[in-house]
Amino acid sequence: MDQIVIRGGQRLKGRIPISGAKNAALTLLPCALLTDEPLTLRNLPRLADVDG
């Protein structure tokens, strides 16, 4: 599995375009729980796994 290691005192922010693939959506949903900031996910596929 790949990982991103972030070093430095800069706050992370911005926009990242992600494909609407099922695997991208299923990875991003639990990651969204790690932030206290507002988060908008768009272009998610309509799947039973996502709508659950």
N, C-alpha and C. Protein backbone atom coordinates (compact mmCIF):
# COMPACT_ATOMS: atom_id res chain seq x y z
N MET A 1 0.85 -1.18 0.00
CA MET A 1 0.00 0.00 0.00
C MET A 1 0.89 1.24 0.00
N ASP A 2 0.53 2.23 -0.77
CA ASP A 2 1.26 3.48 -0.80
C ASP A 2 0.92 4.32 0.42
N GLN A 3 1.82 5.20 0.77
CA GLN A 3 1.55 6.13 1.86
C GLN A 3 2.14 7.48 1.54
N ILE A 4 1.61 8.49 2.17
CA ILE A 4 2.11 9.85 2.01
C ILE A 4 2.62 10.29 3.37
N VAL A 5 3.89 10.66 3.44
CA VAL A 5 4.48 11.15 4.67
C VAL A 5 4.64 12.65 4.52
N ILE A 6 4.07 13.40 5.45
CA ILE A 6 4.10 14.86 5.38
C ILE A 6 4.94 15.39 6.52
N ARG A 7 5.94 16.17 6.18
CA ARG A 7 6.80 16.78 7.19
C ARG A 7 6.76 18.29 6.99
N GLY A 8 6.77 19.01 8.10
CA GLY A 8 6.78 20.47 7.99
C GLY A 8 5.63 21.06 8.76
N GLY A 9 5.69 22.35 8.93
CA GLY A 9 4.69 23.04 9.73
C GLY A 9 3.56 23.66 8.94
N GLN A 10 3.45 23.32 7.66
CA GLN A 10 2.41 23.91 6.82
C GLN A 10 1.09 23.16 6.98
N ARG A 11 0.00 23.90 7.11
CA ARG A 11 -1.33 23.31 7.18
C ARG A 11 -1.72 22.80 5.79
N LEU A 12 -2.28 21.61 5.73
CA LEU A 12 -2.72 21.05 4.46
C LEU A 12 -4.09 21.59 4.09
N LYS A 13 -4.23 22.02 2.86
CA LYS A 13 -5.52 22.50 2.37
C LYS A 13 -5.48 22.51 0.85
N GLY A 14 -6.63 22.58 0.25
CA GLY A 14 -6.70 22.66 -1.20
C GLY A 14 -7.73 21.71 -1.77
N ARG A 15 -7.68 21.56 -3.08
CA ARG A 15 -8.61 20.69 -3.80
C ARG A 15 -7.80 19.69 -4.60
N ILE A 16 -8.30 18.48 -4.64
CA ILE A 16 -7.65 17.42 -5.39
C ILE A 16 -8.70 16.72 -6.24
N PRO A 17 -8.55 16.72 -7.57
CA PRO A 17 -9.51 15.99 -8.40
C PRO A 17 -9.22 14.48 -8.31
N ILE A 18 -10.24 13.71 -7.98
CA ILE A 18 -10.13 12.26 -7.88
C ILE A 18 -11.15 11.66 -8.83
N SER A 19 -10.80 10.52 -9.43
CA SER A 19 -11.74 9.88 -10.35
C SER A 19 -12.96 9.40 -9.58
N GLY A 20 -14.04 9.18 -10.28
CA GLY A 20 -15.28 8.71 -9.66
C GLY A 20 -15.34 7.20 -9.55
N ALA A 21 -14.19 6.53 -9.55
CA ALA A 21 -14.16 5.07 -9.49
C ALA A 21 -14.58 4.56 -8.11
N LYS A 22 -15.11 3.35 -8.07
CA LYS A 22 -15.58 2.75 -6.82
C LYS A 22 -14.46 2.69 -5.78
N ASN A 23 -13.29 2.24 -6.17
CA ASN A 23 -12.19 2.10 -5.21
C ASN A 23 -11.76 3.44 -4.64
N ALA A 24 -11.82 4.49 -5.43
CA ALA A 24 -11.48 5.83 -4.92
C ALA A 24 -12.50 6.26 -3.88
N ALA A 25 -13.77 6.03 -4.14
CA ALA A 25 -14.83 6.43 -3.20
C ALA A 25 -14.73 5.66 -1.90
N LEU A 26 -14.51 4.37 -1.97
CA LEU A 26 -14.46 3.55 -0.76
C LEU A 26 -13.24 3.87 0.09
N THR A 27 -12.21 4.41 -0.49
CA THR A 27 -11.03 4.83 0.27
C THR A 27 -11.24 6.19 0.91
N LEU A 28 -11.88 7.11 0.18
CA LEU A 28 -12.04 8.47 0.67
C LEU A 28 -13.07 8.61 1.79
N LEU A 29 -14.10 7.79 1.80
CA LEU A 29 -15.14 7.92 2.82
C LEU A 29 -14.60 7.74 4.24
N PRO A 30 -13.86 6.69 4.56
CA PRO A 30 -13.33 6.60 5.93
C PRO A 30 -12.26 7.66 6.21
N CYS A 31 -11.52 8.07 5.20
CA CYS A 31 -10.51 9.12 5.40
C CYS A 31 -11.18 10.44 5.78
N ALA A 32 -12.38 10.67 5.30
CA ALA A 32 -13.10 11.91 5.61
C ALA A 32 -13.40 12.03 7.10
N LEU A 33 -13.44 10.92 7.81
CA LEU A 33 -13.71 10.95 9.25
C LEU A 33 -12.53 11.49 10.06
N LEU A 34 -11.37 11.60 9.45
CA LEU A 34 -10.17 12.02 10.17
C LEU A 34 -10.03 13.52 10.31
N THR A 35 -10.92 14.29 9.73
CA THR A 35 -10.82 15.75 9.80
C THR A 35 -11.98 16.35 10.59
N ASP A 36 -11.68 17.45 11.26
CA ASP A 36 -12.73 18.21 11.94
C ASP A 36 -13.25 19.34 11.04
N GLU A 37 -12.62 19.54 9.91
CA GLU A 37 -12.97 20.60 8.97
C GLU A 37 -14.09 20.14 8.04
N PRO A 38 -14.85 21.09 7.48
CA PRO A 38 -15.86 20.72 6.48
C PRO A 38 -15.20 20.07 5.27
N LEU A 39 -15.84 19.07 4.72
CA LEU A 39 -15.29 18.33 3.60
C LEU A 39 -16.42 18.01 2.63
N THR A 40 -16.18 18.24 1.34
CA THR A 40 -17.17 17.93 0.32
C THR A 40 -16.58 16.91 -0.64
N LEU A 41 -17.27 15.80 -0.80
CA LEU A 41 -16.87 14.78 -1.77
C LEU A 41 -17.89 14.83 -2.90
N ARG A 42 -17.41 14.99 -4.12
CA ARG A 42 -18.29 15.06 -5.29
C ARG A 42 -17.93 13.96 -6.26
N ASN A 43 -18.84 13.66 -7.15
CA ASN A 43 -18.61 12.69 -8.23
C ASN A 43 -18.46 11.27 -7.68
N LEU A 44 -19.12 10.96 -6.55
CA LEU A 44 -19.08 9.60 -6.03
C LEU A 44 -20.03 8.72 -6.83
N PRO A 45 -19.63 7.49 -7.12
CA PRO A 45 -20.52 6.60 -7.86
C PRO A 45 -21.70 6.16 -6.98
N ARG A 46 -22.83 5.86 -7.60
CA ARG A 46 -24.00 5.37 -6.86
C ARG A 46 -23.86 3.85 -6.72
N LEU A 47 -23.34 3.43 -5.59
CA LEU A 47 -23.12 2.01 -5.32
C LEU A 47 -23.74 1.65 -3.98
N ALA A 48 -24.11 0.40 -3.81
CA ALA A 48 -24.67 -0.05 -2.53
C ALA A 48 -23.65 0.16 -1.41
N ASP A 49 -22.36 -0.03 -1.69
CA ASP A 49 -21.31 0.16 -0.69
C ASP A 49 -21.28 1.61 -0.20
N VAL A 50 -21.54 2.55 -1.09
CA VAL A 50 -21.47 3.97 -0.76
C VAL A 50 -22.77 4.45 -0.13
N ASP A 51 -23.91 4.03 -0.68
CA ASP A 51 -25.21 4.47 -0.17
C ASP A 51 -25.56 3.85 1.17
N GLY A 52 -24.97 2.67 1.48
CA GLY A 52 -25.24 1.89 2.68
C GLY A 52 -25.69 2.67 3.80
